[in-house]
Amino acid sequence: MTRVFIHGLESSSQGVKGVFFRERFPDMIIEDFSGPLEERMEKLNGLLAGREDLTLVGSSFGGLMAAIYACENEKRVGRVILLAPALHVPDFGRYRGTRVNMPVSLYHGRNDDVVPPAAVKAIAQEVFKNLDYHLVDDDHSLHVTFPLMDWKALI
């Protein structure tokens, strides 16, 4: 199994979540992504070329990237964990008719003022057949929920 963490738009591999994962899962792929979505996806595709049984963890814009990758590479992805994923953006629109079957856990803060929880939930339910959805009392960064999650069981 290959574990991958994909950070958000304005974060990096050195952000709170990246550091958290690096300390607990030293074999996890945790890279920096920058530029427009196309460049970020090109880098992600290169990093994961030839790898199977992937567990993807994506936060916000990284959640969008993880969801796109899962839709395009369903046979290679075993599990996806999405943290307040930006699925509501037009870039994800072309995947709205897709139905993918790998287990997907989605955590979203009910007080998220960056990514709208209701819109994301509706899209996720449409695309992911095996969705485990959690609306939690938290904000966009999930700063309360994230460190308390059972990461060993999730990934």
C-alpha atoms as a PDB file:
ATOM      1  CA  MET A   1       0.000   0.000   0.000  1.00  0.00           C
ATOM      2  CA  THR A   2       1.165   3.507  -0.840  1.00  0.00           C
ATOM      3  CA  ARG A   3      -0.099   6.376   1.318  1.00  0.00           C
ATOM      4  CA  VAL A   4      -0.226   9.884  -0.131  1.00  0.00           C
ATOM      5  CA  PHE A   5      -1.096  13.236   1.455  1.00  0.00           C
ATOM      6  CA  ILE A   6      -2.067  16.147  -0.814  1.00  0.00           C
ATOM      7  CA  HIS A   7      -2.126  19.574   0.854  1.00  0.00           C
ATOM      8  CA  GLY A   8      -4.456  22.476   0.144  1.00  0.00           C
ATOM      9  CA  LEU A   9      -4.095  25.415  -2.224  1.00  0.00           C
ATOM     10  CA  GLU A  10      -2.173  27.765   0.067  1.00  0.00           C
ATOM     11  CA  SER A  11      -0.518  25.138   2.241  1.00  0.00           C
ATOM     12  CA  SER A  12       2.570  22.984   1.728  1.00  0.00           C
ATOM     13  CA  SER A  13       4.136  19.708   2.781  1.00  0.00           C
ATOM     14  CA  GLN A  14       5.339  21.618   5.865  1.00  0.00           C
ATOM     15  CA  GLY A  15       1.838  22.593   6.995  1.00  0.00           C
ATOM     16  CA  VAL A  16       0.207  21.194  10.139  1.00  0.00           C
ATOM     17  CA  LYS A  17      -1.256  18.152   8.369  1.00  0.00           C
ATOM     18  CA  GLY A  18       1.910  17.402   6.382  1.00  0.00           C
ATOM     19  CA  VAL A  19       4.044  17.507   9.538  1.00  0.00           C
ATOM     20  CA  PHE A  20       1.474  15.380  11.406  1.00  0.00           C
ATOM     21  CA  PHE A  21       1.571  12.658   8.739  1.00  0.00           C
ATOM     22  CA  ARG A  22       5.352  12.775   8.293  1.00  0.00           C
ATOM     23  CA  GLU A  23       5.825  12.140  12.023  1.00  0.00           C
ATOM     24  CA  ARG A  24       3.352   9.252  12.173  1.00  0.00           C
ATOM     25  CA  PHE A  25       3.695   7.672   8.721  1.00  0.00           C
ATOM     26  CA  PRO A  26       7.306   8.191   7.574  1.00  0.00           C
ATOM     27  CA  ASP A  27       6.714   6.166   4.396  1.00  0.00           C
ATOM     28  CA  MET A  28       3.877   8.463   3.266  1.00  0.00           C
ATOM     29  CA  ILE A  29       4.383  10.468   0.070  1.00  0.00           C
ATOM     30  CA  ILE A  30       4.095  14.133   1.080  1.00  0.00           C
ATOM     31  CA  GLU A  31       5.110  16.544  -1.670  1.00  0.00           C
ATOM     32  CA  ASP A  32       4.714  20.250  -2.367  1.00  0.00           C
ATOM     33  CA  PHE A  33       2.295  21.247  -5.112  1.00  0.00           C
ATOM     34  CA  SER A  34       2.067  24.685  -6.681  1.00  0.00           C
ATOM     35  CA  GLY A  35       0.697  26.380  -9.744  1.00  0.00           C
ATOM     36  CA  PRO A  36      -2.616  25.783 -11.491  1.00  0.00           C
ATOM     37  CA  LEU A  37      -4.583  22.559 -11.097  1.00  0.00           C
ATOM     38  CA  GLU A  38      -3.264  21.102 -14.367  1.00  0.00           C
ATOM     39  CA  GLU A  39       0.359  21.440 -13.195  1.00  0.00           C
ATOM     40  CA  ARG A  40      -0.466  20.014  -9.789  1.00  0.00           C
ATOM     41  CA  MET A  41      -2.251  17.024 -11.360  1.00  0.00           C
ATOM     42  CA  GLU A  42       0.644  16.442 -13.763  1.00  0.00           C
ATOM     43  CA  LYS A  43       3.049  16.295 -10.810  1.00  0.00           C
ATOM     44  CA  LEU A  44       0.719  13.973  -8.867  1.00  0.00           C
ATOM     45  CA  ASN A  45       0.322  11.653 -11.852  1.00  0.00           C
ATOM     46  CA  GLY A  46       4.115  11.505 -12.211  1.00  0.00           C
ATOM     47  CA  LEU A  47       4.635  10.750  -8.507  1.00  0.00           C
ATOM     48  CA  LEU A  48       2.111   7.922  -8.565  1.00  0.00           C
ATOM     49  CA  ALA A  49       2.962   6.423 -11.954  1.00  0.00           C
ATOM     50  CA  GLY A  50       3.185   2.647 -11.705  1.00  0.00           C
ATOM     51  CA  ARG A  51       1.942   2.529  -8.111  1.00  0.00           C
ATOM     52  CA  GLU A  52      -1.052   0.441  -7.042  1.00  0.00           C
ATOM     53  CA  ASP A  53      -3.167   0.087  -3.888  1.00  0.00           C
ATOM     54  CA  LEU A  54      -3.079   3.816  -3.196  1.00  0.00           C
ATOM     55  CA  THR A  55      -4.550   5.485  -0.132  1.00  0.00           C
ATOM     56  CA  LEU A  56      -5.049   9.165  -0.867  1.00  0.00           C
ATOM     57  CA  VAL A  57      -5.617  11.826   1.791  1.00  0.00           C
ATOM     58  CA  GLY A  58      -6.523  15.211   0.350  1.00  0.00           C
ATOM     59  CA  SER A  59      -7.220  18.465   2.171  1.00  0.00           C
ATOM     60  CA  SER A  60      -9.324  21.223   0.549  1.00  0.00           C
ATOM     61  CA  PHE A  61      -7.782  21.811  -2.920  1.00  0.00           C
ATOM     62  CA  GLY A  62      -5.754  18.642  -2.291  1.00  0.00           C
ATOM     63  CA  GLY A  63      -9.096  16.907  -1.737  1.00  0.00           C
ATOM     64  CA  LEU A  64     -10.151  18.067  -5.182  1.00  0.00           C
ATOM     65  CA  MET A  65      -6.912  16.623  -6.573  1.00  0.00           C
ATOM     66  CA  ALA A  66      -7.393  13.313  -4.734  1.00  0.00           C
ATOM     67  CA  ALA A  67     -10.979  13.060  -5.978  1.00  0.00           C
ATOM     68  CA  ILE A  68      -9.957  13.750  -9.588  1.00  0.00           C
ATOM     69  CA  TYR A  69      -7.137  11.222  -9.359  1.00  0.00           C
ATOM     70  CA  ALA A  70      -9.522   8.615  -7.892  1.00  0.00           C
ATOM     71  CA  CYS A  71     -12.065   9.205 -10.668  1.00  0.00           C
ATOM     72  CA  GLU A  72      -9.386   8.860 -13.350  1.00  0.00           C
ATOM     73  CA  ASN A  73      -7.545   5.900 -11.753  1.00  0.00           C
ATOM     74  CA  GLU A  74     -10.228   3.915  -9.941  1.00  0.00           C
ATOM     75  CA  LYS A  75      -8.486   0.540 -10.284  1.00  0.00           C
ATOM     76  CA  ARG A  76      -5.284   1.857  -8.666  1.00  0.00           C
ATOM     77  CA  VAL A  77      -6.901   3.591  -5.683  1.00  0.00           C
ATOM     78  CA  GLY A  78      -7.915   1.508  -2.672  1.00  0.00           C
ATOM     79  CA  ARG A  79      -9.181   4.259  -0.398  1.00  0.00           C
ATOM     80  CA  VAL A  80      -9.663   8.034  -0.281  1.00  0.00           C
ATOM     81  CA  ILE A  81      -9.949  10.339   2.738  1.00  0.00           C
ATOM     82  CA  LEU A  82     -11.195  13.823   1.869  1.00  0.00           C
ATOM     83  CA  LEU A  83     -10.888  16.732   4.315  1.00  0.00           C
ATOM     84  CA  ALA A  84     -13.193  19.632   3.356  1.00  0.00           C
ATOM     85  CA  PRO A  85     -12.560  18.890  -0.344  1.00  0.00           C
ATOM     86  CA  ALA A  86     -13.146  21.640  -2.911  1.00  0.00           C
ATOM     87  CA  LEU A  87     -15.451  19.495  -5.071  1.00  0.00           C
ATOM     88  CA  HIS A  88     -17.768  22.435  -5.762  1.00  0.00           C
ATOM     89  CA  VAL A  89     -15.366  24.137  -8.175  1.00  0.00           C
ATOM     90  CA  PRO A  90     -15.991  24.005 -11.947  1.00  0.00           C
ATOM     91  CA  ASP A  91     -12.852  21.863 -12.452  1.00  0.00           C
ATOM     92  CA  PHE A  92     -14.676  18.909 -10.863  1.00  0.00           C
ATOM     93  CA  GLY A  93     -17.798  19.358 -12.994  1.00  0.00           C
ATOM     94  CA  ARG A  94     -16.712  16.885 -15.687  1.00  0.00           C
ATOM     95  CA  TYR A  95     -16.548  14.100 -13.059  1.00  0.00           C
ATOM     96  CA  ARG A  96     -20.111  14.646 -11.842  1.00  0.00           C
ATOM     97  CA  GLY A  97     -21.441  11.815 -14.029  1.00  0.00           C
ATOM     98  CA  THR A  98     -18.744   9.433 -12.819  1.00  0.00           C
ATOM     99  CA  ARG A  99     -19.561   6.736 -10.242  1.00  0.00           C
ATOM    100  CA  VAL A 100     -16.556   5.311  -8.439  1.00  0.00           C
ATOM    101  CA  ASN A 101     -16.668   2.488  -5.930  1.00  0.00           C
ATOM    102  CA  MET A 102     -13.606   2.641  -3.646  1.00  0.00           C
ATOM    103  CA  PRO A 103     -14.242   3.525   0.015  1.00  0.00           C
ATOM    104  CA  VAL A 104     -14.275   7.298   0.506  1.00  0.00           C
ATOM    105  CA  SER A 105     -14.368   8.970   3.919  1.00  0.00           C
ATOM    106  CA  LEU A 106     -15.218  12.657   3.845  1.00  0.00           C
ATOM    107  CA  TYR A 107     -14.872  14.982   6.847  1.00  0.00           C
ATOM    108  CA  HIS A 108     -16.230  18.506   6.633  1.00  0.00           C
ATOM    109  CA  GLY A 109     -16.623  21.218   9.255  1.00  0.00           C
ATOM    110  CA  ARG A 110     -20.140  22.587   9.554  1.00  0.00           C
ATOM    111  CA  ASN A 111     -18.603  26.057  10.113  1.00  0.00           C
ATOM    112  CA  ASP A 112     -16.473  25.936   6.951  1.00  0.00           C
ATOM    113  CA  ASP A 113     -16.521  29.405   5.369  1.00  0.00           C
ATOM    114  CA  VAL A 114     -14.219  28.436   2.464  1.00  0.00           C
ATOM    115  CA  VAL A 115     -15.792  25.300   0.972  1.00  0.00           C
ATOM    116  CA  PRO A 116     -19.598  24.933   1.279  1.00  0.00           C
ATOM    117  CA  PRO A 117     -20.443  21.689   3.134  1.00  0.00           C
ATOM    118  CA  ALA A 118     -23.934  21.154   1.656  1.00  0.00           C
ATOM    119  CA  ALA A 119     -22.780  21.542  -1.955  1.00  0.00           C
ATOM    120  CA  VAL A 120     -19.804  19.237  -1.412  1.00  0.00           C
ATOM    121  CA  LYS A 121     -21.948  16.586   0.286  1.00  0.00           C
ATOM    122  CA  ALA A 122     -24.390  16.513  -2.647  1.00  0.00           C
ATOM    123  CA  ILE A 123     -21.575  16.179  -5.187  1.00  0.00           C
ATOM    124  CA  ALA A 124     -19.762  13.516  -3.151  1.00  0.00           C
ATOM    125  CA  GLN A 125     -22.958  11.457  -2.806  1.00  0.00           C
ATOM    126  CA  GLU A 126     -23.408  11.642  -6.568  1.00  0.00           C
ATOM    127  CA  VAL A 127     -19.851  10.545  -7.452  1.00  0.00           C
ATOM    128  CA  PHE A 128     -18.756   8.178  -4.675  1.00  0.00           C
ATOM    129  CA  LYS A 129     -20.882   5.030  -4.318  1.00  0.00           C
ATOM    130  CA  ASN A 130     -19.103   3.945  -1.113  1.00  0.00           C
ATOM    131  CA  LEU A 131     -19.138   7.251   0.810  1.00  0.00           C
ATOM    132  CA  ASP A 132     -18.726   7.593   4.577  1.00  0.00           C
ATOM    133  CA  TYR A 133     -19.664  11.236   5.255  1.00  0.00           C
ATOM    134  CA  HIS A 134     -18.987  13.135   8.511  1.00  0.00           C
ATOM    135  CA  LEU A 135     -20.200  16.683   9.160  1.00  0.00           C
ATOM    136  CA  VAL A 136     -18.325  17.781  12.281  1.00  0.00           C
ATOM    137  CA  ASP A 137     -18.370  20.805  14.591  1.00  0.00           C
ATOM    138  CA  ASP A 138     -15.279  22.436  13.153  1.00  0.00           C
ATOM    139  CA  ASP A 139     -14.045  24.949  10.576  1.00  0.00           C
ATOM    140  CA  HIS A 140     -12.419  24.579   7.164  1.00  0.00           C
ATOM    141  CA  SER A 141      -9.031  23.479   8.490  1.00  0.00           C
ATOM    142  CA  LEU A 142     -10.612  20.868  10.774  1.00  0.00           C
ATOM    143  CA  HIS A 143      -8.089  21.967  13.404  1.00  0.00           C
ATOM    144  CA  VAL A 144     -10.095  20.347  16.248  1.00  0.00           C
ATOM    145  CA  THR A 145     -11.179  17.170  14.429  1.00  0.00           C
ATOM    146  CA  PHE A 146      -8.066  16.328  12.398  1.00  0.00           C
ATOM    147  CA  PRO A 147      -5.659  15.358  15.227  1.00  0.00           C
ATOM    148  CA  LEU A 148      -8.375  13.310  16.983  1.00  0.00           C
ATOM    149  CA  MET A 149      -9.218  11.152  13.965  1.00  0.00           C
ATOM    150  CA  ASP A 150      -8.247   7.457  14.075  1.00  0.00           C
ATOM    151  CA  TRP A 151      -5.640   7.734  11.338  1.00  0.00           C
ATOM    152  CA  LYS A 152      -4.233   4.234  11.881  1.00  0.00           C
ATOM    153  CA  ALA A 153      -7.672   2.779  11.097  1.00  0.00           C
ATOM    154  CA  LEU A 154      -8.363   5.220   8.248  1.00  0.00           C
ATOM    155  CA  ILE A 155      -5.134   4.742   6.348  1.00  0.00           C
END
